């Protein structure tokens, strides 16, 4: 079957999204790609999410609604959505996301042109709390490399230099191949670790057009820890734990000794860079406090 005719599944994990989810559903179902499935995994919402989703499922056969019997956590609910999907291709969408009508068809064109590709990303628009919209263009080629460590390096580079320019978790993927990539344990920065694992798993394509969007807000690590259900103290060691998992990911894929050494050096540099930034920030804060305490009353 040609990619243009393949079943594409969009999974929407949601919890208490009654005020947002209809916009996401509408944009997904408005795709110009006909063979579409929308899988909604409701994480035991306590607002009107269930009623909204059941109404959509009753009126549109493309919509599949599943309600978890209890809240199973954010990441397990994301994982459940892709497991319930049937499509050859798959995309996650949050309950605050939107897709342009040509999103699926444009990404399928890129996937069909290169069988190596694990996924295809697009430029996205990010709606900020102050009402502004941010976006960033990706102009690199590192994700297309046949060398997994080159792709791993590009993943770490974008993560540290321009994280809004490339978001593989919100991309169109080859579902079965992505499901073979370990999602990992629930922890802070798990999404960044998962992105690095996907970079090791295969090349990525990119459509340099704004074809999707979602809300974006910088959040303290402690608040994210509470949402994920992990201990708040992990926020103080998030970089250490992340780098440990990145090293573990490198150890789980077939690499030459030279590639493995290069990958480990990349992780070490990221660790030192992030700790240098943290140390500098704390130093500036200490100097500011010292000046304040030393100023005349």
C-alpha atoms as a PDB file:
ATOM      1  CA  UNK A   1       0.000   0.000   0.000  1.00  0.00           C
ATOM      2  CA  UNK A   2       1.301   3.479  -0.848  1.00  0.00           C
ATOM      3  CA  UNK A   3       2.031   5.767   2.065  1.00  0.00           C
ATOM      4  CA  UNK A   4      -0.608   8.171   0.784  1.00  0.00           C
ATOM      5  CA  UNK A   5      -3.233   5.458   1.364  1.00  0.00           C
ATOM      6  CA  UNK A   6      -1.910   4.062   4.662  1.00  0.00           C
ATOM      7  CA  UNK A   7      -3.789   4.262   7.934  1.00  0.00           C
ATOM      8  CA  UNK A   8      -2.432   7.078  10.072  1.00  0.00           C
ATOM      9  CA  UNK A   9      -3.205   7.088  13.787  1.00  0.00           C
ATOM     10  CA  UNK A  10      -3.123  10.176  15.985  1.00  0.00           C
ATOM     11  CA  UNK A  11      -3.028   9.420  19.707  1.00  0.00           C
ATOM     12  CA  UNK A  12      -4.309  12.026  22.176  1.00  0.00           C
ATOM     13  CA  UNK A  13      -3.485  11.278  25.819  1.00  0.00           C
ATOM     14  CA  UNK A  14      -5.621  13.588  27.951  1.00  0.00           C
ATOM     15  CA  UNK A  15      -6.389  14.402  31.564  1.00  0.00           C
ATOM     16  CA  UNK A  16      -8.964  17.073  32.409  1.00  0.00           C
ATOM     17  CA  UNK A  17      -8.780  18.665  28.986  1.00  0.00           C
ATOM     18  CA  UNK A  18     -12.438  19.609  28.575  1.00  0.00           C
ATOM     19  CA  UNK A  19     -11.602  23.235  27.882  1.00  0.00           C
ATOM     20  CA  UNK A  20      -9.052  22.432  25.166  1.00  0.00           C
ATOM     21  CA  UNK A  21      -9.520  19.066  23.554  1.00  0.00           C
ATOM     22  CA  UNK A  22     -12.257  19.914  21.048  1.00  0.00           C
ATOM     23  CA  UNK A  23      -9.868  22.158  19.134  1.00  0.00           C
ATOM     24  CA  UNK A  24      -7.354  19.324  18.921  1.00  0.00           C
ATOM     25  CA  UNK A  25      -9.972  16.809  17.786  1.00  0.00           C
ATOM     26  CA  UNK A  26     -11.317  19.180  15.131  1.00  0.00           C
ATOM     27  CA  UNK A  27      -7.877  19.876  13.668  1.00  0.00           C
ATOM     28  CA  UNK A  28      -6.969  16.174  13.538  1.00  0.00           C
ATOM     29  CA  UNK A  29     -10.204  15.170  11.828  1.00  0.00           C
ATOM     30  CA  UNK A  30      -9.802  18.009   9.289  1.00  0.00           C
ATOM     31  CA  UNK A  31      -6.724  16.380   7.703  1.00  0.00           C
ATOM     32  CA  UNK A  32      -6.762  16.041   3.929  1.00  0.00           C
ATOM     33  CA  UNK A  33      -5.471  12.463   4.382  1.00  0.00           C
ATOM     34  CA  UNK A  34      -8.541  10.243   4.275  1.00  0.00           C
ATOM     35  CA  UNK A  35      -7.393   7.064   6.050  1.00  0.00           C
ATOM     36  CA  UNK A  36      -7.232   8.373   9.605  1.00  0.00           C
ATOM     37  CA  UNK A  37      -7.748   7.093  13.139  1.00  0.00           C
ATOM     38  CA  UNK A  38      -7.935   9.260  16.281  1.00  0.00           C
ATOM     39  CA  UNK A  39      -7.224   7.354  19.512  1.00  0.00           C
ATOM     40  CA  UNK A  40      -8.085   9.227  22.716  1.00  0.00           C
ATOM     41  CA  UNK A  41      -6.717   7.848  25.989  1.00  0.00           C
ATOM     42  CA  UNK A  42      -8.465   9.565  28.882  1.00  0.00           C
ATOM     43  CA  UNK A  43      -6.459   9.258  32.090  1.00  0.00           C
ATOM     44  CA  UNK A  44      -9.548   9.096  34.359  1.00  0.00           C
ATOM     45  CA  UNK A  45     -10.472  12.771  33.911  1.00  0.00           C
ATOM     46  CA  UNK A  46     -12.703  14.350  36.543  1.00  0.00           C
ATOM     47  CA  UNK A  47     -14.096  17.187  34.377  1.00  0.00           C
ATOM     48  CA  UNK A  48     -16.250  17.009  31.240  1.00  0.00           C
ATOM     49  CA  UNK A  49     -13.579  15.368  29.053  1.00  0.00           C
ATOM     50  CA  UNK A  50     -15.328  11.984  28.978  1.00  0.00           C
ATOM     51  CA  UNK A  51     -18.654  13.384  27.776  1.00  0.00           C
ATOM     52  CA  UNK A  52     -17.011  15.436  25.016  1.00  0.00           C
ATOM     53  CA  UNK A  53     -14.947  12.497  23.753  1.00  0.00           C
ATOM     54  CA  UNK A  54     -17.808  10.001  23.871  1.00  0.00           C
ATOM     55  CA  UNK A  55     -19.954  12.384  21.824  1.00  0.00           C
ATOM     56  CA  UNK A  56     -17.221  12.592  19.152  1.00  0.00           C
ATOM     57  CA  UNK A  57     -16.756   8.805  19.122  1.00  0.00           C
ATOM     58  CA  UNK A  58     -20.504   8.315  18.697  1.00  0.00           C
ATOM     59  CA  UNK A  59     -20.693  10.638  15.688  1.00  0.00           C
ATOM     60  CA  UNK A  60     -17.399   9.953  13.846  1.00  0.00           C
ATOM     61  CA  UNK A  61     -16.218   6.349  13.249  1.00  0.00           C
ATOM     62  CA  UNK A  62     -12.602   7.549  13.021  1.00  0.00           C
ATOM     63  CA  UNK A  63     -12.610   8.393  16.735  1.00  0.00           C
ATOM     64  CA  UNK A  64     -11.733   5.673  19.271  1.00  0.00           C
ATOM     65  CA  UNK A  65     -12.188   6.586  22.927  1.00  0.00           C
ATOM     66  CA  UNK A  66     -10.658   4.713  25.858  1.00  0.00           C
ATOM     67  CA  UNK A  67     -10.972   5.755  29.490  1.00  0.00           C
ATOM     68  CA  UNK A  68      -8.443   4.472  32.012  1.00  0.00           C
ATOM     69  CA  UNK A  69     -10.154   3.003  35.111  1.00  0.00           C
ATOM     70  CA  UNK A  70      -7.795   5.118  37.242  1.00  0.00           C
ATOM     71  CA  UNK A  71      -5.052   7.683  36.653  1.00  0.00           C
ATOM     72  CA  UNK A  72      -2.033   5.652  35.538  1.00  0.00           C
ATOM     73  CA  UNK A  73       0.351   8.594  35.182  1.00  0.00           C
ATOM     74  CA  UNK A  74       1.240  10.850  32.281  1.00  0.00           C
ATOM     75  CA  UNK A  75       3.933   8.795  30.535  1.00  0.00           C
ATOM     76  CA  UNK A  76       2.141   5.412  30.851  1.00  0.00           C
ATOM     77  CA  UNK A  77      -0.955   7.037  29.327  1.00  0.00           C
ATOM     78  CA  UNK A  78       1.135   8.308  26.397  1.00  0.00           C
ATOM     79  CA  UNK A  79       2.523   4.799  25.924  1.00  0.00           C
ATOM     80  CA  UNK A  80      -0.950   3.260  26.073  1.00  0.00           C
ATOM     81  CA  UNK A  81      -2.118   5.529  23.252  1.00  0.00           C
ATOM     82  CA  UNK A  82       0.455   4.248  20.758  1.00  0.00           C
ATOM     83  CA  UNK A  83      -0.182   0.642  21.797  1.00  0.00           C
ATOM     84  CA  UNK A  84      -3.893   1.009  21.091  1.00  0.00           C
ATOM     85  CA  UNK A  85      -3.298   2.570  17.662  1.00  0.00           C
ATOM     86  CA  UNK A  86      -3.536   0.468  14.501  1.00  0.00           C
ATOM     87  CA  UNK A  87      -1.942   2.742  11.921  1.00  0.00           C
ATOM     88  CA  UNK A  88       1.268   2.145  10.022  1.00  0.00           C
ATOM     89  CA  UNK A  89       2.136   5.743  10.891  1.00  0.00           C
ATOM     90  CA  UNK A  90       1.522   7.492  14.195  1.00  0.00           C
ATOM     91  CA  UNK A  91       1.613  10.885  15.866  1.00  0.00           C
ATOM     92  CA  UNK A  92       1.112  11.914  19.477  1.00  0.00           C
ATOM     93  CA  UNK A  93      -0.933  15.070  20.024  1.00  0.00           C
ATOM     94  CA  UNK A  94      -1.531  16.772  23.350  1.00  0.00           C
ATOM     95  CA  UNK A  95      -4.958  18.128  24.238  1.00  0.00           C
ATOM     96  CA  UNK A  96      -3.684  21.654  23.483  1.00  0.00           C
ATOM     97  CA  UNK A  97      -2.230  20.802  20.057  1.00  0.00           C
ATOM     98  CA  UNK A  98      -3.388  21.673  16.548  1.00  0.00           C
ATOM     99  CA  UNK A  99      -2.426  20.305  13.151  1.00  0.00           C
ATOM    100  CA  UNK A 100      -2.676  22.086   9.815  1.00  0.00           C
ATOM    101  CA  UNK A 101      -4.986  20.257   7.332  1.00  0.00           C
ATOM    102  CA  UNK A 102      -1.963  19.227   5.238  1.00  0.00           C
ATOM    103  CA  UNK A 103       0.139  18.037   8.185  1.00  0.00           C
ATOM    104  CA  UNK A 104      -0.235  14.296   7.621  1.00  0.00           C
ATOM    105  CA  UNK A 105       0.016  14.379   3.816  1.00  0.00           C
ATOM    106  CA  UNK A 106       3.141  16.567   3.832  1.00  0.00           C
ATOM    107  CA  UNK A 107       4.913  14.336   6.346  1.00  0.00           C
ATOM    108  CA  UNK A 108       3.923  11.189   4.449  1.00  0.00           C
ATOM    109  CA  UNK A 109       5.543  12.592   1.305  1.00  0.00           C
ATOM    110  CA  UNK A 110       8.874  12.819   3.130  1.00  0.00           C
ATOM    111  CA  UNK A 111       8.546   9.371   4.710  1.00  0.00           C
ATOM    112  CA  UNK A 112       7.669   7.785   1.367  1.00  0.00           C
ATOM    113  CA  UNK A 113      10.748   9.301  -0.274  1.00  0.00           C
ATOM    114  CA  UNK A 114      13.210   7.701   2.196  1.00  0.00           C
ATOM    115  CA  UNK A 115      12.547   4.289   3.745  1.00  0.00           C
ATOM    116  CA  UNK A 116      15.378   4.853   6.230  1.00  0.00           C
ATOM    117  CA  UNK A 117      13.474   7.546   8.098  1.00  0.00           C
ATOM    118  CA  UNK A 118      12.115   6.686  11.531  1.00  0.00           C
ATOM    119  CA  UNK A 119      10.053   9.867  11.747  1.00  0.00           C
ATOM    120  CA  UNK A 120       9.434  13.290  10.243  1.00  0.00           C
ATOM    121  CA  UNK A 121       9.245  16.512  12.233  1.00  0.00           C
ATOM    122  CA  UNK A 122       7.904  19.903  11.172  1.00  0.00           C
ATOM    123  CA  UNK A 123       8.399  23.430  12.362  1.00  0.00           C
ATOM    124  CA  UNK A 124       5.905  24.239  15.119  1.00  0.00           C
ATOM    125  CA  UNK A 125       4.288  27.326  16.615  1.00  0.00           C
ATOM    126  CA  UNK A 126       4.329  27.615  20.412  1.00  0.00           C
ATOM    127  CA  UNK A 127       1.631  29.660  22.135  1.00  0.00           C
ATOM    128  CA  UNK A 128       3.045  31.341  25.255  1.00  0.00           C
ATOM    129  CA  UNK A 129       1.118  32.361  28.410  1.00  0.00           C
ATOM    130  CA  UNK A 130       1.588  36.082  27.593  1.00  0.00           C
ATOM    131  CA  UNK A 131      -0.304  35.672  24.322  1.00  0.00           C
ATOM    132  CA  UNK A 132       2.763  35.702  22.093  1.00  0.00           C
ATOM    133  CA  UNK A 133       3.757  32.931  19.693  1.00  0.00           C
ATOM    134  CA  UNK A 134       7.256  31.567  19.361  1.00  0.00           C
ATOM    135  CA  UNK A 135       8.785  29.388  16.683  1.00  0.00           C
ATOM    136  CA  UNK A 136      12.247  28.333  15.587  1.00  0.00           C
ATOM    137  CA  UNK A 137      13.502  26.966  12.283  1.00  0.00           C
ATOM    138  CA  UNK A 138      15.687  23.872  12.030  1.00  0.00           C
ATOM    139  CA  UNK A 139      18.318  24.150   9.312  1.00  0.00           C
ATOM    140  CA  UNK A 140      20.703  21.300  10.168  1.00  0.00           C
ATOM    141  CA  UNK A 141      21.266  17.935   8.506  1.00  0.00           C
ATOM    142  CA  UNK A 142      22.706  15.889  11.379  1.00  0.00           C
ATOM    143  CA  UNK A 143      19.536  13.850  11.877  1.00  0.00           C
ATOM    144  CA  UNK A 144      19.832  12.432   8.359  1.00  0.00           C
ATOM    145  CA  UNK A 145      23.252  10.896   9.017  1.00  0.00           C
ATOM    146  CA  UNK A 146      23.724   7.161   8.698  1.00  0.00           C
ATOM    147  CA  UNK A 147      25.944   7.266  11.788  1.00  0.00           C
ATOM    148  CA  UNK A 148      23.839   6.904  14.974  1.00  0.00           C
ATOM    149  CA  UNK A 149      26.331   8.886  17.045  1.00  0.00           C
ATOM    150  CA  UNK A 150      26.115  11.791  14.589  1.00  0.00           C
ATOM    151  CA  UNK A 151      22.353  11.797  15.129  1.00  0.00           C
ATOM    152  CA  UNK A 152      22.826  11.449  18.898  1.00  0.00           C
ATOM    153  CA  UNK A 153      25.175  14.454  18.804  1.00  0.00           C
ATOM    154  CA  UNK A 154      22.616  16.476  16.868  1.00  0.00           C
ATOM    155  CA  UNK A 155      19.947  15.554  19.416  1.00  0.00           C
ATOM    156  CA  UNK A 156      22.071  16.845  22.294  1.00  0.00           C
ATOM    157  CA  UNK A 157      23.047  19.951  20.334  1.00  0.00           C
ATOM    158  CA  UNK A 158      19.456  20.926  19.594  1.00  0.00           C
ATOM    159  CA  UNK A 159      18.402  20.130  23.132  1.00  0.00           C
ATOM    160  CA  UNK A 160      20.950  22.550  24.549  1.00  0.00           C
ATOM    161  CA  UNK A 161      20.985  25.231  21.835  1.00  0.00           C
ATOM    162  CA  UNK A 162      17.517  25.452  20.280  1.00  0.00           C
ATOM    163  CA  UNK A 163      14.947  23.037  21.791  1.00  0.00           C
ATOM    164  CA  UNK A 164      11.962  24.679  20.057  1.00  0.00           C
ATOM    165  CA  UNK A 165      13.334  23.943  16.585  1.00  0.00           C
ATOM    166  CA  UNK A 166      12.959  20.158  16.712  1.00  0.00           C
ATOM    167  CA  UNK A 167      10.470  18.087  18.740  1.00  0.00           C
ATOM    168  CA  UNK A 168      10.528  14.416  17.737  1.00  0.00           C
ATOM    169  CA  UNK A 169       7.902  13.399  20.283  1.00  0.00           C
ATOM    170  CA  UNK A 170       5.398  15.406  18.242  1.00  0.00           C
ATOM    171  CA  UNK A 171       6.300  14.038  14.825  1.00  0.00           C
ATOM    172  CA  UNK A 172       4.828  11.571  12.352  1.00  0.00           C
ATOM    173  CA  UNK A 173       6.477   8.204  13.030  1.00  0.00           C
ATOM    174  CA  UNK A 174       6.672   4.709  11.642  1.00  0.00           C
ATOM    175  CA  UNK A 175       4.686   3.207  14.490  1.00  0.00           C
ATOM    176  CA  UNK A 176       6.113  -0.312  14.744  1.00  0.00           C
ATOM    177  CA  UNK A 177       9.715   0.891  14.552  1.00  0.00           C
ATOM    178  CA  UNK A 178       9.168   3.565  17.191  1.00  0.00           C
ATOM    179  CA  UNK A 179       7.485   1.069  19.508  1.00  0.00           C
ATOM    180  CA  UNK A 180      10.757  -0.879  19.552  1.00  0.00           C
ATOM    181  CA  UNK A 181      12.521   2.142  21.067  1.00  0.00           C
ATOM    182  CA  UNK A 182      12.550   1.830  24.853  1.00  0.00           C
ATOM    183  CA  UNK A 183      10.543   4.592  26.523  1.00  0.00           C
ATOM    184  CA  UNK A 184      12.495   4.230  29.768  1.00  0.00           C
ATOM    185  CA  UNK A 185      11.635   4.885  33.375  1.00  0.00           C
ATOM    186  CA  UNK A 186       9.429   7.731  34.579  1.00  0.00           C
ATOM    187  CA  UNK A 187      11.779  10.530  35.574  1.00  0.00           C
ATOM    188  CA  UNK A 188      12.552  14.184  34.961  1.00  0.00           C
ATOM    189  CA  UNK A 189      13.699  14.904  31.392  1.00  0.00           C
ATOM    190  CA  UNK A 190      12.454  11.495  30.276  1.00  0.00           C
ATOM    191  CA  UNK A 191      11.242  13.098  27.043  1.00  0.00           C
ATOM    192  CA  UNK A 192      14.758  14.338  26.251  1.00  0.00           C
ATOM    193  CA  UNK A 193      16.204  10.880  26.911  1.00  0.00           C
ATOM    194  CA  UNK A 194      13.550   9.304  24.696  1.00  0.00           C
ATOM    195  CA  UNK A 195      14.369  11.763  21.913  1.00  0.00           C
ATOM    196  CA  UNK A 196      18.046  10.763  22.110  1.00  0.00           C
ATOM    197  CA  UNK A 197      17.052   7.084  21.947  1.00  0.00           C
ATOM    198  CA  UNK A 198      15.021   7.759  18.812  1.00  0.00           C
ATOM    199  CA  UNK A 199      17.999   9.561  17.284  1.00  0.00           C
ATOM    200  CA  UNK A 200      20.098   6.443  17.878  1.00  0.00           C
ATOM    201  CA  UNK A 201      17.346   4.273  16.350  1.00  0.00           C
ATOM    202  CA  UNK A 202      17.222   5.871  12.906  1.00  0.00           C
ATOM    203  CA  UNK A 203      17.439   8.992  10.706  1.00  0.00           C
ATOM    204  CA  UNK A 204      14.798  11.717  10.847  1.00  0.00           C
ATOM    205  CA  UNK A 205      13.283  13.842   8.121  1.00  0.00           C
ATOM    206  CA  UNK A 206      11.980  17.383   8.474  1.00  0.00           C
ATOM    207  CA  UNK A 207       9.406  19.636   6.800  1.00  0.00           C
ATOM    208  CA  UNK A 208      10.517  23.278   7.216  1.00  0.00           C
ATOM    209  CA  UNK A 209       6.958  24.610   7.460  1.00  0.00           C
ATOM    210  CA  UNK A 210       4.776  25.497  10.455  1.00  0.00           C
ATOM    211  CA  UNK A 211       2.266  22.666  10.218  1.00  0.00           C
ATOM    212  CA  UNK A 212       1.516  22.153  13.916  1.00  0.00           C
ATOM    213  CA  UNK A 213       1.398  24.017  17.178  1.00  0.00           C
ATOM    214  CA  UNK A 214       0.870  23.680  20.898  1.00  0.00           C
ATOM    215  CA  UNK A 215       0.998  25.614  24.122  1.00  0.00           C
ATOM    216  CA  UNK A 216       4.381  26.173  25.723  1.00  0.00           C
ATOM    217  CA  UNK A 217       5.366  27.414  29.154  1.00  0.00           C
ATOM    218  CA  UNK A 218       8.673  27.095  30.982  1.00  0.00           C
ATOM    219  CA  UNK A 219       8.047  25.272  34.266  1.00  0.00           C
ATOM    220  CA  UNK A 220      10.232  24.720  37.327  1.00  0.00           C
ATOM    221  CA  UNK A 221      11.615  21.200  37.595  1.00  0.00           C
ATOM    222  CA  UNK A 222       9.836  20.758  40.928  1.00  0.00           C
ATOM    223  CA  UNK A 223       6.436  21.402  39.316  1.00  0.00           C
ATOM    224  CA  UNK A 224       7.207  18.948  36.511  1.00  0.00           C
ATOM    225  CA  UNK A 225       8.258  16.348  39.097  1.00  0.00           C
ATOM    226  CA  UNK A 226       4.866  16.638  40.796  1.00  0.00           C
ATOM    227  CA  UNK A 227       3.032  16.175  37.486  1.00  0.00           C
ATOM    228  CA  UNK A 228       5.081  13.089  36.685  1.00  0.00           C
ATOM    229  CA  UNK A 229       4.699  11.677  40.188  1.00  0.00           C
ATOM    230  CA  UNK A 230       8.431  11.525  40.939  1.00  0.00           C
ATOM    231  CA  UNK A 231      10.091  12.789  44.164  1.00  0.00           C
ATOM    232  CA  UNK A 232      10.777  16.528  44.136  1.00  0.00           C
ATOM    233  CA  UNK A 233      14.370  15.979  45.312  1.00  0.00           C
ATOM    234  CA  UNK A 234      15.173  14.490  41.906  1.00  0.00           C
ATOM    235  CA  UNK A 235      15.091  18.030  40.499  1.00  0.00           C
ATOM    236  CA  UNK A 236      18.458  18.723  42.142  1.00  0.00           C
ATOM    237  CA  UNK A 237      20.040  15.764  40.365  1.00  0.00           C
ATOM    238  CA  UNK A 238      18.119  15.883  37.069  1.00  0.00           C
ATOM    239  CA  UNK A 239      21.225  16.378  34.917  1.00  0.00           C
ATOM    240  CA  UNK A 240      23.105  13.563  36.640  1.00  0.00           C
ATOM    241  CA  UNK A 241      20.228  11.124  36.196  1.00  0.00           C
ATOM    242  CA  UNK A 242      19.687  12.218  32.598  1.00  0.00           C
ATOM    243  CA  UNK A 243      23.329  11.703  31.672  1.00  0.00           C
ATOM    244  CA  UNK A 244      23.349   8.300  33.342  1.00  0.00           C
ATOM    245  CA  UNK A 245      20.365   7.248  31.199  1.00  0.00           C
ATOM    246  CA  UNK A 246      21.989   8.634  28.057  1.00  0.00           C
ATOM    247  CA  UNK A 247      25.077   6.528  28.740  1.00  0.00           C
ATOM    248  CA  UNK A 248      22.842   3.512  29.272  1.00  0.00           C
ATOM    249  CA  UNK A 249      21.145   4.199  25.925  1.00  0.00           C
ATOM    250  CA  UNK A 250      24.532   4.250  24.178  1.00  0.00           C
ATOM    251  CA  UNK A 251      25.338   0.899  25.733  1.00  0.00           C
ATOM    252  CA  UNK A 252      22.201  -0.715  24.345  1.00  0.00           C
ATOM    253  CA  UNK A 253      22.769  -0.096  20.626  1.00  0.00           C
ATOM    254  CA  UNK A 254      25.373  -1.723  18.345  1.00  0.00           C
ATOM    255  CA  UNK A 255      28.268   0.745  18.059  1.00  0.00           C
ATOM    256  CA  UNK A 256      31.956   0.451  17.283  1.00  0.00           C
ATOM    257  CA  UNK A 257      34.352   1.172  20.164  1.00  0.00           C
ATOM    258  CA  UNK A 258      35.218   4.501  18.532  1.00  0.00           C
ATOM    259  CA  UNK A 259      31.553   5.455  18.211  1.00  0.00           C
ATOM    260  CA  UNK A 260      30.896   4.509  21.837  1.00  0.00           C
ATOM    261  CA  UNK A 261      33.813   6.630  23.045  1.00  0.00           C
ATOM    262  CA  UNK A 262      32.569   9.560  20.991  1.00  0.00           C
ATOM    263  CA  UNK A 263      29.056   9.205  22.367  1.00  0.00           C
ATOM    264  CA  UNK A 264      30.291   9.064  25.948  1.00  0.00           C
ATOM    265  CA  UNK A 265      32.416  12.165  25.385  1.00  0.00           C
ATOM    266  CA  UNK A 266      29.324  14.010  24.119  1.00  0.00           C
ATOM    267  CA  UNK A 267      27.423  13.126  27.286  1.00  0.00           C
ATOM    268  CA  UNK A 268      30.341  14.187  29.473  1.00  0.00           C
ATOM    269  CA  UNK A 269      30.515  17.563  27.712  1.00  0.00           C
ATOM    270  CA  UNK A 270      26.783  18.100  28.177  1.00  0.00           C
ATOM    271  CA  UNK A 271      27.062  17.295  31.888  1.00  0.00           C
ATOM    272  CA  UNK A 272      29.945  19.721  32.388  1.00  0.00           C
ATOM    273  CA  UNK A 273      28.251  22.415  30.324  1.00  0.00           C
ATOM    274  CA  UNK A 274      25.004  22.221  32.271  1.00  0.00           C
ATOM    275  CA  UNK A 275      26.785  22.204  35.606  1.00  0.00           C
ATOM    276  CA  UNK A 276      28.833  25.193  34.495  1.00  0.00           C
ATOM    277  CA  UNK A 277      25.638  27.087  33.684  1.00  0.00           C
ATOM    278  CA  UNK A 278      24.145  26.129  37.048  1.00  0.00           C
ATOM    279  CA  UNK A 279      27.264  27.169  38.915  1.00  0.00           C
ATOM    280  CA  UNK A 280      27.369  30.516  37.099  1.00  0.00           C
ATOM    281  CA  UNK A 281      23.684  31.146  37.869  1.00  0.00           C
ATOM    282  CA  UNK A 282      24.178  30.388  41.541  1.00  0.00           C
ATOM    283  CA  UNK A 283      27.247  32.612  41.601  1.00  0.00           C
ATOM    284  CA  UNK A 284      25.295  35.538  40.144  1.00  0.00           C
ATOM    285  CA  UNK A 285      22.521  34.983  42.673  1.00  0.00           C
ATOM    286  CA  UNK A 286      25.024  34.920  45.533  1.00  0.00           C
ATOM    287  CA  UNK A 287      26.688  38.125  44.316  1.00  0.00           C
ATOM    288  CA  UNK A 288      23.306  39.835  44.023  1.00  0.00           C
ATOM    289  CA  UNK A 289      22.387  38.797  47.565  1.00  0.00           C
ATOM    290  CA  UNK A 290      25.765  39.959  48.861  1.00  0.00           C
ATOM    291  CA  UNK A 291      25.333  43.379  47.270  1.00  0.00           C
ATOM    292  CA  UNK A 292      21.843  43.665  48.688  1.00  0.00           C
ATOM    293  CA  UNK A 293      22.975  42.784  52.203  1.00  0.00           C
ATOM    294  CA  UNK A 294      25.915  45.170  51.908  1.00  0.00           C
ATOM    295  CA  UNK A 295      23.928  48.146  50.641  1.00  0.00           C
ATOM    296  CA  UNK A 296      23.307  51.054  53.072  1.00  0.00           C
ATOM    297  CA  UNK A 297      19.984  51.002  54.910  1.00  0.00           C
END
